[in-house]
Amino acid sequence: MTRRGGPSAIRDAIAAAEPPDSPAGNDWRGTEVPGFEMRATGLYRETQAREGRGSTEFQASAYFEVRGRTRDRGYNRHGLLLAWLDYDGVEKTLVVPRAWLFGEGRELRTRLAEMGLWVAPHPAAGAALVEFLARQMPKRRVRIVLQPGW
């Protein structure tokens, strides 16, 4: 029996690997926020229509996961760890400082868009994304460090 190994076998295995499907729908593990729904296609915000005509919804962003709460060693710099697949199917992660969730959240939306997460361009979508993230309190905690090592 011939066993193939080495760097070329590793490269072949990586090239043949399929990215895992992102959980969505009932598998969403973030904090449930009234008026919002995370679906396989993204984050949706429900709004009340004027004059009692029922409710409507709009999409604020593509699908992403809130993987945990972050902080530094000194119990400061609190934030959220987000993850998503970009337009090319590459997994991206970003630590979002809580400070970015004040005001219009322009820096947050710009960074997410630069990293390949679709964010709706209208102001209501930006406000919805900021509100949704501000209300997230995942149980999992992640400590951030400024540099690796001892």
C-alpha atoms as a PDB file:
ATOM      1  CA  MET A   1       0.000   0.000   0.000  1.00  0.00           C
ATOM      2  CA  THR A   2       1.481   3.310  -1.068  1.00  0.00           C
ATOM      3  CA  ARG A   3       0.929   6.208   1.244  1.00  0.00           C
ATOM      4  CA  ARG A   4       1.101   9.698  -0.186  1.00  0.00           C
ATOM      5  CA  GLY A   5       2.113  12.562   2.095  1.00  0.00           C
ATOM      6  CA  GLY A   6       4.155  15.678   2.373  1.00  0.00           C
ATOM      7  CA  PRO A   7       3.504  19.254   1.322  1.00  0.00           C
ATOM      8  CA  SER A   8       1.887  18.347  -2.006  1.00  0.00           C
ATOM      9  CA  ALA A   9      -0.692  16.119  -0.276  1.00  0.00           C
ATOM     10  CA  ILE A  10      -1.482  18.928   2.154  1.00  0.00           C
ATOM     11  CA  ARG A  11      -1.900  21.430  -0.705  1.00  0.00           C
ATOM     12  CA  ASP A  12      -4.186  18.989  -2.538  1.00  0.00           C
ATOM     13  CA  ALA A  13      -6.303  18.433   0.579  1.00  0.00           C
ATOM     14  CA  ILE A  14      -6.667  22.168   1.151  1.00  0.00           C
ATOM     15  CA  ALA A  15      -7.597  22.779  -2.487  1.00  0.00           C
ATOM     16  CA  ALA A  16     -10.225  20.000  -2.370  1.00  0.00           C
ATOM     17  CA  ALA A  17     -11.762  21.133   0.925  1.00  0.00           C
ATOM     18  CA  GLU A  18     -15.216  22.700   0.907  1.00  0.00           C
ATOM     19  CA  PRO A  19     -15.951  25.577   3.297  1.00  0.00           C
ATOM     20  CA  PRO A  20     -18.458  24.628   6.000  1.00  0.00           C
ATOM     21  CA  ASP A  21     -21.978  25.928   5.673  1.00  0.00           C
ATOM     22  CA  SER A  22     -22.688  28.798   8.018  1.00  0.00           C
ATOM     23  CA  PRO A  23     -25.384  28.087  10.560  1.00  0.00           C
ATOM     24  CA  ALA A  24     -28.512  30.148  10.092  1.00  0.00           C
ATOM     25  CA  GLY A  25     -32.180  30.233  10.867  1.00  0.00           C
ATOM     26  CA  ASN A  26     -32.884  28.083  13.915  1.00  0.00           C
ATOM     27  CA  ASP A  27     -29.149  27.521  14.439  1.00  0.00           C
ATOM     28  CA  TRP A  28     -28.470  31.210  15.206  1.00  0.00           C
ATOM     29  CA  ARG A  29     -26.463  31.379  18.435  1.00  0.00           C
ATOM     30  CA  GLY A  30     -26.430  35.126  19.051  1.00  0.00           C
ATOM     31  CA  THR A  31     -28.654  37.067  21.414  1.00  0.00           C
ATOM     32  CA  GLU A  32     -32.249  37.188  20.202  1.00  0.00           C
ATOM     33  CA  VAL A  33     -33.289  40.825  19.786  1.00  0.00           C
ATOM     34  CA  PRO A  34     -36.982  41.730  19.393  1.00  0.00           C
ATOM     35  CA  GLY A  35     -37.678  43.211  15.974  1.00  0.00           C
ATOM     36  CA  PHE A  36     -34.658  41.523  14.361  1.00  0.00           C
ATOM     37  CA  GLU A  37     -34.205  38.166  12.691  1.00  0.00           C
ATOM     38  CA  MET A  38     -30.986  36.545  11.493  1.00  0.00           C
ATOM     39  CA  ARG A  39     -31.662  34.339   8.487  1.00  0.00           C
ATOM     40  CA  ALA A  40     -29.414  32.428   6.106  1.00  0.00           C
ATOM     41  CA  THR A  41     -29.541  35.460   3.795  1.00  0.00           C
ATOM     42  CA  GLY A  42     -28.733  38.036   6.475  1.00  0.00           C
ATOM     43  CA  LEU A  43     -29.982  40.318   9.219  1.00  0.00           C
ATOM     44  CA  TYR A  44     -33.538  41.626   8.855  1.00  0.00           C
ATOM     45  CA  ARG A  45     -35.238  44.434  10.784  1.00  0.00           C
ATOM     46  CA  GLU A  46     -38.993  44.513  11.231  1.00  0.00           C
ATOM     47  CA  THR A  47     -40.597  47.950  11.295  1.00  0.00           C
ATOM     48  CA  GLN A  48     -44.106  49.046  12.080  1.00  0.00           C
ATOM     49  CA  ALA A  49     -45.867  50.588   9.113  1.00  0.00           C
ATOM     50  CA  ARG A  50     -47.603  53.904   9.611  1.00  0.00           C
ATOM     51  CA  GLU A  51     -51.331  54.244  10.095  1.00  0.00           C
ATOM     52  CA  GLY A  52     -51.836  50.675  11.306  1.00  0.00           C
ATOM     53  CA  ARG A  53     -51.052  48.981   8.005  1.00  0.00           C
ATOM     54  CA  GLY A  54     -49.124  46.128   9.623  1.00  0.00           C
ATOM     55  CA  SER A  55     -45.405  45.687   9.583  1.00  0.00           C
ATOM     56  CA  THR A  56     -42.696  45.646   6.976  1.00  0.00           C
ATOM     57  CA  GLU A  57     -39.105  44.486   7.027  1.00  0.00           C
ATOM     58  CA  PHE A  58     -35.833  45.305   5.359  1.00  0.00           C
ATOM     59  CA  GLN A  59     -32.459  43.601   5.105  1.00  0.00           C
ATOM     60  CA  ALA A  60     -29.704  45.401   6.990  1.00  0.00           C
ATOM     61  CA  SER A  61     -26.753  43.158   6.111  1.00  0.00           C
ATOM     62  CA  ALA A  62     -25.591  39.774   4.882  1.00  0.00           C
ATOM     63  CA  TYR A  63     -25.360  36.863   7.332  1.00  0.00           C
ATOM     64  CA  PHE A  64     -22.742  37.036  10.074  1.00  0.00           C
ATOM     65  CA  GLU A  65     -22.156  35.388  13.429  1.00  0.00           C
ATOM     66  CA  VAL A  66     -21.481  36.959  16.807  1.00  0.00           C
ATOM     67  CA  ARG A  67     -18.951  34.493  18.186  1.00  0.00           C
ATOM     68  CA  GLY A  68     -18.321  36.060  21.573  1.00  0.00           C
ATOM     69  CA  ARG A  69     -17.654  39.058  23.801  1.00  0.00           C
ATOM     70  CA  THR A  70     -14.122  40.394  23.825  1.00  0.00           C
ATOM     71  CA  ARG A  71     -11.995  42.306  26.318  1.00  0.00           C
ATOM     72  CA  ASP A  72      -8.360  42.826  27.112  1.00  0.00           C
ATOM     73  CA  ARG A  73      -6.345  41.582  30.085  1.00  0.00           C
ATOM     74  CA  GLY A  74      -7.171  44.688  32.107  1.00  0.00           C
ATOM     75  CA  TYR A  75     -10.940  44.124  31.695  1.00  0.00           C
ATOM     76  CA  ASN A  76     -11.164  47.046  29.267  1.00  0.00           C
ATOM     77  CA  ARG A  77     -11.633  47.426  25.504  1.00  0.00           C
ATOM     78  CA  HIS A  78     -14.884  45.504  25.438  1.00  0.00           C
ATOM     79  CA  GLY A  79     -16.239  44.416  22.089  1.00  0.00           C
ATOM     80  CA  LEU A  80     -17.731  41.629  19.992  1.00  0.00           C
ATOM     81  CA  LEU A  81     -16.066  39.013  17.808  1.00  0.00           C
ATOM     82  CA  LEU A  82     -17.883  38.793  14.454  1.00  0.00           C
ATOM     83  CA  ALA A  83     -17.351  36.227  11.695  1.00  0.00           C
ATOM     84  CA  TRP A  84     -18.736  35.850   8.159  1.00  0.00           C
ATOM     85  CA  LEU A  85     -17.891  34.592   4.700  1.00  0.00           C
ATOM     86  CA  ASP A  86     -16.845  37.320   2.267  1.00  0.00           C
ATOM     87  CA  TYR A  87     -17.855  37.540  -1.392  1.00  0.00           C
ATOM     88  CA  ASP A  88     -15.233  34.922  -2.293  1.00  0.00           C
ATOM     89  CA  GLY A  89     -16.288  32.487   0.437  1.00  0.00           C
ATOM     90  CA  VAL A  90     -13.283  33.300   2.645  1.00  0.00           C
ATOM     91  CA  GLU A  91     -14.025  33.394   6.375  1.00  0.00           C
ATOM     92  CA  LYS A  92     -13.348  36.792   7.922  1.00  0.00           C
ATOM     93  CA  THR A  93     -13.318  37.774  11.579  1.00  0.00           C
ATOM     94  CA  LEU A  94     -13.353  41.197  13.167  1.00  0.00           C
ATOM     95  CA  VAL A  95     -13.229  42.393  16.749  1.00  0.00           C
ATOM     96  CA  VAL A  96     -15.748  45.237  16.923  1.00  0.00           C
ATOM     97  CA  PRO A  97     -15.045  47.615  19.799  1.00  0.00           C
ATOM     98  CA  ARG A  98     -18.199  48.640  21.665  1.00  0.00           C
ATOM     99  CA  ALA A  99     -17.101  52.235  21.092  1.00  0.00           C
ATOM    100  CA  TRP A 100     -17.905  51.781  17.376  1.00  0.00           C
ATOM    101  CA  LEU A 101     -21.565  51.248  18.311  1.00  0.00           C
ATOM    102  CA  PHE A 102     -22.192  54.875  19.206  1.00  0.00           C
ATOM    103  CA  GLY A 103     -23.687  57.401  16.832  1.00  0.00           C
ATOM    104  CA  GLU A 104     -24.201  56.349  13.241  1.00  0.00           C
ATOM    105  CA  GLY A 105     -21.674  53.500  13.308  1.00  0.00           C
ATOM    106  CA  ARG A 106     -19.987  54.768  10.142  1.00  0.00           C
ATOM    107  CA  GLU A 107     -16.558  53.310  11.011  1.00  0.00           C
ATOM    108  CA  LEU A 108     -18.138  49.924  11.740  1.00  0.00           C
ATOM    109  CA  ARG A 109     -20.077  49.805   8.464  1.00  0.00           C
ATOM    110  CA  THR A 110     -17.053  50.971   6.480  1.00  0.00           C
ATOM    111  CA  ARG A 111     -14.801  48.310   7.993  1.00  0.00           C
ATOM    112  CA  LEU A 112     -17.361  45.538   7.437  1.00  0.00           C
ATOM    113  CA  ALA A 113     -17.861  46.574   3.822  1.00  0.00           C
ATOM    114  CA  GLU A 114     -14.092  46.765   3.220  1.00  0.00           C
ATOM    115  CA  MET A 115     -13.764  43.224   4.570  1.00  0.00           C
ATOM    116  CA  GLY A 116     -16.482  41.824   2.301  1.00  0.00           C
ATOM    117  CA  LEU A 117     -19.682  41.834   4.367  1.00  0.00           C
ATOM    118  CA  TRP A 118     -22.594  43.274   2.422  1.00  0.00           C
ATOM    119  CA  VAL A 119     -24.243  46.107   4.377  1.00  0.00           C
ATOM    120  CA  ALA A 120     -27.307  47.873   2.989  1.00  0.00           C
ATOM    121  CA  PRO A 121     -26.416  51.452   1.988  1.00  0.00           C
ATOM    122  CA  HIS A 122     -29.417  53.284   3.459  1.00  0.00           C
ATOM    123  CA  PRO A 123     -29.229  55.042   6.871  1.00  0.00           C
ATOM    124  CA  ALA A 124     -31.951  52.884   8.449  1.00  0.00           C
ATOM    125  CA  ALA A 125     -29.898  49.757   7.757  1.00  0.00           C
ATOM    126  CA  GLY A 126     -26.840  51.256   9.430  1.00  0.00           C
ATOM    127  CA  ALA A 127     -28.882  52.220  12.478  1.00  0.00           C
ATOM    128  CA  ALA A 128     -30.432  48.740  12.612  1.00  0.00           C
ATOM    129  CA  LEU A 129     -27.034  47.018  12.438  1.00  0.00           C
ATOM    130  CA  VAL A 130     -25.646  49.218  15.223  1.00  0.00           C
ATOM    131  CA  GLU A 131     -28.716  48.625  17.417  1.00  0.00           C
ATOM    132  CA  PHE A 132     -28.601  44.879  16.857  1.00  0.00           C
ATOM    133  CA  LEU A 133     -24.914  44.653  17.771  1.00  0.00           C
ATOM    134  CA  ALA A 134     -25.286  46.986  20.762  1.00  0.00           C
ATOM    135  CA  ARG A 135     -27.883  44.606  22.203  1.00  0.00           C
ATOM    136  CA  GLN A 136     -25.754  41.478  21.735  1.00  0.00           C
ATOM    137  CA  MET A 137     -24.483  39.869  24.954  1.00  0.00           C
ATOM    138  CA  PRO A 138     -23.090  36.460  23.988  1.00  0.00           C
ATOM    139  CA  LYS A 139     -22.121  34.115  26.817  1.00  0.00           C
ATOM    140  CA  ARG A 140     -18.830  33.091  25.242  1.00  0.00           C
ATOM    141  CA  ARG A 141     -15.905  35.350  26.176  1.00  0.00           C
ATOM    142  CA  VAL A 142     -12.761  35.924  24.150  1.00  0.00           C
ATOM    143  CA  ARG A 143      -9.697  37.699  25.529  1.00  0.00           C
ATOM    144  CA  ILE A 144      -7.859  39.913  23.073  1.00  0.00           C
ATOM    145  CA  VAL A 145      -4.111  40.533  23.188  1.00  0.00           C
ATOM    146  CA  LEU A 146      -2.027  43.198  21.519  1.00  0.00           C
ATOM    147  CA  GLN A 147       0.747  40.770  20.603  1.00  0.00           C
ATOM    148  CA  PRO A 148       1.177  37.003  20.737  1.00  0.00           C
ATOM    149  CA  GLY A 149       3.707  35.353  22.998  1.00  0.00           C
ATOM    150  CA  TRP A 150       4.553  35.066  26.648  1.00  0.00           C
END
